[in-house]
Amino acid sequence: MSYFTFGLLSLSLIYAIYFAVSTLVSKRYPEVRVEGIEEIRRRSGVNFKLKLKDDSRVNAFSLVNNVIVVTSSLLQLNEEEVLAAIAHEVGHLKMRHHLKSLAITSAVVLSFFLLLGSLPLALSVSLLGLVIQRYFSRRFEVEADKFASELVDKHSLIALIMNYGDTSSSFLSTHPSSVARIKKII
């Protein structure tokens, strides 16, 4: 079997797992209603489901199948901050960040297998791919913040990021630091 064929099989497995996990996660959690959510749906043009995860951490995340999962702790915040978190996740959905990330991952995986005949080159390209993926991941966060700031009160979004965002950003972080994110919103 050629390296390319093995790469395609690997990608098929990655895609199957990615979409299966999104489906399983979205079925695992119950739907939740949040005051003000219909306005975000209307203004964004994104039809999404909102699900609830019982968790002590303040967090929200979106899935490729237009599901946004919010934690029970997030729902304890004031309404404006809750809507800011949801609007941020809607930004990821609207701009198809999940699919773009999957495309970048696909390019890295295929490149690795195409260059596997030269292991040092394959590993170098994979490392470069990781750096590129991290760059785009951080860029997607800033784009989602900007999108959210057009849907909800900017000050609520900034407060949410200041209180619950990453205070620092390492080389491998998927999110920029809170300070860097806020500078892009202001």
C-alpha atoms as a PDB file:
ATOM      1  CA  MET A   1       0.000   0.000   0.000  1.00  0.00           C
ATOM      2  CA  SER A   2       1.394   3.417  -0.938  1.00  0.00           C
ATOM      3  CA  TYR A   3       1.979   6.169   1.594  1.00  0.00           C
ATOM      4  CA  PHE A   4      -0.610   8.306  -0.208  1.00  0.00           C
ATOM      5  CA  THR A   5      -3.251   5.590   0.103  1.00  0.00           C
ATOM      6  CA  PHE A   6      -2.403   5.189   3.771  1.00  0.00           C
ATOM      7  CA  GLY A   7      -2.751   8.969   4.145  1.00  0.00           C
ATOM      8  CA  LEU A   8      -6.194   8.914   2.532  1.00  0.00           C
ATOM      9  CA  LEU A   9      -7.283   6.079   4.807  1.00  0.00           C
ATOM     10  CA  SER A  10      -5.998   8.031   7.805  1.00  0.00           C
ATOM     11  CA  LEU A  11      -7.954  11.084   6.703  1.00  0.00           C
ATOM     12  CA  SER A  12     -11.095   8.993   6.283  1.00  0.00           C
ATOM     13  CA  LEU A  13     -10.692   7.794   9.851  1.00  0.00           C
ATOM     14  CA  ILE A  14     -10.065  11.346  11.128  1.00  0.00           C
ATOM     15  CA  TYR A  15     -13.194  12.634   9.354  1.00  0.00           C
ATOM     16  CA  ALA A  16     -15.331   9.741  10.587  1.00  0.00           C
ATOM     17  CA  ILE A  17     -14.202  10.270  14.175  1.00  0.00           C
ATOM     18  CA  TYR A  18     -14.600  14.055  13.938  1.00  0.00           C
ATOM     19  CA  PHE A  19     -18.188  13.925  12.697  1.00  0.00           C
ATOM     20  CA  ALA A  20     -19.132  10.947  14.890  1.00  0.00           C
ATOM     21  CA  VAL A  21     -17.872  12.701  18.025  1.00  0.00           C
ATOM     22  CA  SER A  22     -19.821  15.855  17.097  1.00  0.00           C
ATOM     23  CA  THR A  23     -22.975  13.790  16.686  1.00  0.00           C
ATOM     24  CA  LEU A  24     -22.458  11.842  19.907  1.00  0.00           C
ATOM     25  CA  VAL A  25     -21.657  14.950  21.946  1.00  0.00           C
ATOM     26  CA  SER A  26     -24.683  16.805  20.624  1.00  0.00           C
ATOM     27  CA  LYS A  27     -26.947  13.870  21.532  1.00  0.00           C
ATOM     28  CA  ARG A  28     -25.400  13.479  24.969  1.00  0.00           C
ATOM     29  CA  TYR A  29     -26.475  16.846  26.346  1.00  0.00           C
ATOM     30  CA  PRO A  30     -30.015  18.214  26.754  1.00  0.00           C
ATOM     31  CA  GLU A  31     -31.189  21.320  24.944  1.00  0.00           C
ATOM     32  CA  VAL A  32     -31.362  24.507  26.958  1.00  0.00           C
ATOM     33  CA  ARG A  33     -33.182  27.783  26.441  1.00  0.00           C
ATOM     34  CA  VAL A  34     -31.481  31.074  27.137  1.00  0.00           C
ATOM     35  CA  GLU A  35     -33.139  34.470  27.188  1.00  0.00           C
ATOM     36  CA  GLY A  36     -32.041  36.559  24.193  1.00  0.00           C
ATOM     37  CA  ILE A  37     -30.861  33.637  22.072  1.00  0.00           C
ATOM     38  CA  GLU A  38     -33.486  34.139  19.347  1.00  0.00           C
ATOM     39  CA  GLU A  39     -32.116  37.614  18.667  1.00  0.00           C
ATOM     40  CA  ILE A  40     -28.629  36.159  18.130  1.00  0.00           C
ATOM     41  CA  ARG A  41     -30.057  33.526  15.769  1.00  0.00           C
ATOM     42  CA  ARG A  42     -31.942  36.183  13.836  1.00  0.00           C
ATOM     43  CA  ARG A  43     -29.083  38.686  13.618  1.00  0.00           C
ATOM     44  CA  SER A  44     -26.416  36.106  12.777  1.00  0.00           C
ATOM     45  CA  GLY A  45     -28.464  34.074  10.323  1.00  0.00           C
ATOM     46  CA  VAL A  46     -27.146  30.896  11.956  1.00  0.00           C
ATOM     47  CA  ASN A  47     -29.627  28.226  13.001  1.00  0.00           C
ATOM     48  CA  PHE A  48     -28.004  26.390  15.897  1.00  0.00           C
ATOM     49  CA  LYS A  49     -29.009  24.233  18.824  1.00  0.00           C
ATOM     50  CA  LEU A  50     -27.938  25.117  22.332  1.00  0.00           C
ATOM     51  CA  LYS A  51     -27.032  22.236  24.660  1.00  0.00           C
ATOM     52  CA  LEU A  52     -26.167  22.157  28.346  1.00  0.00           C
ATOM     53  CA  LYS A  53     -23.206  20.389  29.947  1.00  0.00           C
ATOM     54  CA  ASP A  54     -23.057  20.173  33.730  1.00  0.00           C
ATOM     55  CA  ASP A  55     -19.559  21.462  34.467  1.00  0.00           C
ATOM     56  CA  SER A  56     -17.914  23.614  37.120  1.00  0.00           C
ATOM     57  CA  ARG A  57     -15.836  25.470  34.498  1.00  0.00           C
ATOM     58  CA  VAL A  58     -17.131  28.523  32.672  1.00  0.00           C
ATOM     59  CA  ASN A  59     -16.968  27.468  29.043  1.00  0.00           C
ATOM     60  CA  ALA A  60     -18.760  27.103  25.737  1.00  0.00           C
ATOM     61  CA  PHE A  61     -17.800  25.329  22.545  1.00  0.00           C
ATOM     62  CA  SER A  62     -19.333  24.749  19.154  1.00  0.00           C
ATOM     63  CA  LEU A  63     -19.467  21.664  17.002  1.00  0.00           C
ATOM     64  CA  VAL A  64     -19.381  21.296  13.254  1.00  0.00           C
ATOM     65  CA  ASN A  65     -23.075  20.266  13.196  1.00  0.00           C
ATOM     66  CA  ASN A  66     -24.268  23.722  14.409  1.00  0.00           C
ATOM     67  CA  VAL A  67     -24.521  22.741  18.051  1.00  0.00           C
ATOM     68  CA  ILE A  68     -23.235  25.012  20.790  1.00  0.00           C
ATOM     69  CA  VAL A  69     -22.589  23.472  24.191  1.00  0.00           C
ATOM     70  CA  VAL A  70     -22.595  25.766  27.225  1.00  0.00           C
ATOM     71  CA  THR A  71     -21.614  24.748  30.727  1.00  0.00           C
ATOM     72  CA  SER A  72     -23.880  25.109  33.721  1.00  0.00           C
ATOM     73  CA  SER A  73     -21.298  27.443  35.278  1.00  0.00           C
ATOM     74  CA  LEU A  74     -21.412  29.744  32.255  1.00  0.00           C
ATOM     75  CA  LEU A  75     -25.163  30.054  32.699  1.00  0.00           C
ATOM     76  CA  GLN A  76     -24.556  31.386  36.223  1.00  0.00           C
ATOM     77  CA  LEU A  77     -22.989  34.563  34.763  1.00  0.00           C
ATOM     78  CA  ASN A  78     -25.036  37.634  33.897  1.00  0.00           C
ATOM     79  CA  GLU A  79     -27.184  37.435  30.775  1.00  0.00           C
ATOM     80  CA  GLU A  80     -24.933  39.703  28.704  1.00  0.00           C
ATOM     81  CA  GLU A  81     -21.828  37.586  29.327  1.00  0.00           C
ATOM     82  CA  VAL A  82     -23.729  34.387  28.533  1.00  0.00           C
ATOM     83  CA  LEU A  83     -24.907  35.881  25.254  1.00  0.00           C
ATOM     84  CA  ALA A  84     -21.359  37.097  24.514  1.00  0.00           C
ATOM     85  CA  ALA A  85     -20.003  33.555  24.904  1.00  0.00           C
ATOM     86  CA  ILE A  86     -22.738  32.142  22.689  1.00  0.00           C
ATOM     87  CA  ALA A  87     -22.218  34.880  20.071  1.00  0.00           C
ATOM     88  CA  HIS A  88     -18.501  34.029  19.992  1.00  0.00           C
ATOM     89  CA  GLU A  89     -19.331  30.382  19.263  1.00  0.00           C
ATOM     90  CA  VAL A  90     -21.859  31.444  16.624  1.00  0.00           C
ATOM     91  CA  GLY A  91     -18.975  33.321  14.996  1.00  0.00           C
ATOM     92  CA  HIS A  92     -17.066  30.049  14.673  1.00  0.00           C
ATOM     93  CA  LEU A  93     -20.106  28.442  13.050  1.00  0.00           C
ATOM     94  CA  LYS A  94     -20.849  31.363  10.730  1.00  0.00           C
ATOM     95  CA  MET A  95     -17.268  31.517   9.457  1.00  0.00           C
ATOM     96  CA  ARG A  96     -16.997  27.724   9.192  1.00  0.00           C
ATOM     97  CA  HIS A  97     -13.887  27.596  11.365  1.00  0.00           C
ATOM     98  CA  HIS A  98     -14.417  23.908  12.094  1.00  0.00           C
ATOM     99  CA  LEU A  99     -14.264  22.974   8.433  1.00  0.00           C
ATOM    100  CA  LYS A 100     -11.297  25.252   7.780  1.00  0.00           C
ATOM    101  CA  SER A 101      -9.404  23.640  10.668  1.00  0.00           C
ATOM    102  CA  LEU A 102     -10.239  20.225   9.285  1.00  0.00           C
ATOM    103  CA  ALA A 103      -8.919  21.276   5.866  1.00  0.00           C
ATOM    104  CA  ILE A 104      -5.636  22.437   7.424  1.00  0.00           C
ATOM    105  CA  THR A 105      -5.334  19.166   9.340  1.00  0.00           C
ATOM    106  CA  SER A 106      -6.032  17.255   6.129  1.00  0.00           C
ATOM    107  CA  ALA A 107      -3.283  19.100   4.274  1.00  0.00           C
ATOM    108  CA  VAL A 108      -0.793  18.365   7.061  1.00  0.00           C
ATOM    109  CA  VAL A 109      -1.698  14.668   7.234  1.00  0.00           C
ATOM    110  CA  LEU A 110      -1.530  14.203   3.465  1.00  0.00           C
ATOM    111  CA  SER A 111       1.770  16.098   3.263  1.00  0.00           C
ATOM    112  CA  PHE A 112       3.217  13.907   5.991  1.00  0.00           C
ATOM    113  CA  PHE A 113       2.312  10.701   4.177  1.00  0.00           C
ATOM    114  CA  LEU A 114       3.401  12.003   0.771  1.00  0.00           C
ATOM    115  CA  LEU A 115       6.823  12.859   2.204  1.00  0.00           C
ATOM    116  CA  LEU A 116       7.162   9.791   4.400  1.00  0.00           C
ATOM    117  CA  GLY A 117       9.885   8.419   2.119  1.00  0.00           C
ATOM    118  CA  SER A 118      12.074  11.093   3.700  1.00  0.00           C
ATOM    119  CA  LEU A 119      11.243  10.923   7.388  1.00  0.00           C
ATOM    120  CA  PRO A 120      13.153  14.108   8.363  1.00  0.00           C
ATOM    121  CA  LEU A 121      11.298  16.086   5.679  1.00  0.00           C
ATOM    122  CA  ALA A 122       7.956  14.549   6.684  1.00  0.00           C
ATOM    123  CA  LEU A 123       8.530  15.451  10.330  1.00  0.00           C
ATOM    124  CA  SER A 124       9.650  18.983   9.411  1.00  0.00           C
ATOM    125  CA  VAL A 125       6.524  19.538   7.321  1.00  0.00           C
ATOM    126  CA  SER A 126       4.384  18.178  10.163  1.00  0.00           C
ATOM    127  CA  LEU A 127       5.982  20.572  12.634  1.00  0.00           C
ATOM    128  CA  LEU A 128       5.452  23.446  10.222  1.00  0.00           C
ATOM    129  CA  GLY A 129       1.842  22.282   9.819  1.00  0.00           C
ATOM    130  CA  LEU A 130       1.361  22.379  13.589  1.00  0.00           C
ATOM    131  CA  VAL A 131       2.632  25.963  13.692  1.00  0.00           C
ATOM    132  CA  ILE A 132       0.322  26.925  10.813  1.00  0.00           C
ATOM    133  CA  GLN A 133      -2.638  25.220  12.495  1.00  0.00           C
ATOM    134  CA  ARG A 134      -1.974  27.106  15.742  1.00  0.00           C
ATOM    135  CA  TYR A 135      -1.687  30.400  13.846  1.00  0.00           C
ATOM    136  CA  PHE A 136      -5.072  29.875  12.195  1.00  0.00           C
ATOM    137  CA  SER A 137      -6.651  28.664  15.426  1.00  0.00           C
ATOM    138  CA  ARG A 138      -5.673  31.923  17.145  1.00  0.00           C
ATOM    139  CA  ARG A 139      -6.818  33.922  14.137  1.00  0.00           C
ATOM    140  CA  PHE A 140     -10.182  32.125  14.205  1.00  0.00           C
ATOM    141  CA  GLU A 141     -10.593  33.107  17.875  1.00  0.00           C
ATOM    142  CA  VAL A 142     -10.033  36.767  17.048  1.00  0.00           C
ATOM    143  CA  GLU A 143     -12.455  36.554  14.111  1.00  0.00           C
ATOM    144  CA  ALA A 144     -15.106  34.980  16.354  1.00  0.00           C
ATOM    145  CA  ASP A 145     -14.544  37.739  18.922  1.00  0.00           C
ATOM    146  CA  LYS A 146     -14.997  40.442  16.283  1.00  0.00           C
ATOM    147  CA  PHE A 147     -18.157  38.737  15.030  1.00  0.00           C
ATOM    148  CA  ALA A 148     -19.524  38.487  18.573  1.00  0.00           C
ATOM    149  CA  SER A 149     -18.763  42.151  19.248  1.00  0.00           C
ATOM    150  CA  GLU A 150     -21.133  43.035  16.403  1.00  0.00           C
ATOM    151  CA  LEU A 151     -23.945  40.941  17.910  1.00  0.00           C
ATOM    152  CA  VAL A 152     -23.685  41.735  21.613  1.00  0.00           C
ATOM    153  CA  ASP A 153     -22.419  44.417  23.947  1.00  0.00           C
ATOM    154  CA  LYS A 154     -18.650  44.784  23.435  1.00  0.00           C
ATOM    155  CA  HIS A 155     -18.072  45.470  27.121  1.00  0.00           C
ATOM    156  CA  SER A 156     -19.720  42.196  28.134  1.00  0.00           C
ATOM    157  CA  LEU A 157     -17.526  40.295  25.701  1.00  0.00           C
ATOM    158  CA  ILE A 158     -14.417  42.037  27.038  1.00  0.00           C
ATOM    159  CA  ALA A 159     -15.439  41.293  30.641  1.00  0.00           C
ATOM    160  CA  LEU A 160     -15.978  37.643  29.763  1.00  0.00           C
ATOM    161  CA  ILE A 161     -12.553  37.385  28.117  1.00  0.00           C
ATOM    162  CA  MET A 162     -10.834  39.228  30.965  1.00  0.00           C
ATOM    163  CA  ASN A 163     -12.406  37.018  33.632  1.00  0.00           C
ATOM    164  CA  TYR A 164     -12.306  33.633  31.910  1.00  0.00           C
ATOM    165  CA  GLY A 165      -9.915  33.833  28.944  1.00  0.00           C
ATOM    166  CA  ASP A 166      -6.324  32.646  28.786  1.00  0.00           C
ATOM    167  CA  THR A 167      -4.120  35.121  30.623  1.00  0.00           C
ATOM    168  CA  SER A 168      -1.039  34.015  28.698  1.00  0.00           C
ATOM    169  CA  SER A 169      -0.424  32.305  25.410  1.00  0.00           C
ATOM    170  CA  SER A 170       2.274  29.720  24.789  1.00  0.00           C
ATOM    171  CA  PHE A 171       3.675  28.567  21.469  1.00  0.00           C
ATOM    172  CA  LEU A 172       1.170  25.703  21.358  1.00  0.00           C
ATOM    173  CA  SER A 173      -1.890  27.604  22.624  1.00  0.00           C
ATOM    174  CA  THR A 174      -4.986  27.502  20.457  1.00  0.00           C
ATOM    175  CA  HIS A 175      -6.185  30.838  21.880  1.00  0.00           C
ATOM    176  CA  PRO A 176      -4.380  34.166  21.966  1.00  0.00           C
ATOM    177  CA  SER A 177      -3.903  35.770  25.376  1.00  0.00           C
ATOM    178  CA  SER A 178      -6.814  37.735  26.808  1.00  0.00           C
ATOM    179  CA  VAL A 179      -4.907  40.986  26.324  1.00  0.00           C
ATOM    180  CA  ALA A 180      -4.274  40.251  22.638  1.00  0.00           C
ATOM    181  CA  ARG A 181      -7.929  39.340  22.083  1.00  0.00           C
ATOM    182  CA  ILE A 182      -9.211  42.476  23.802  1.00  0.00           C
ATOM    183  CA  LYS A 183      -6.861  44.717  21.779  1.00  0.00           C
ATOM    184  CA  LYS A 184      -8.421  43.331  18.591  1.00  0.00           C
ATOM    185  CA  ILE A 185     -11.971  44.008  19.845  1.00  0.00           C
ATOM    186  CA  ILE A 186     -11.332  47.584  20.928  1.00  0.00           C
END
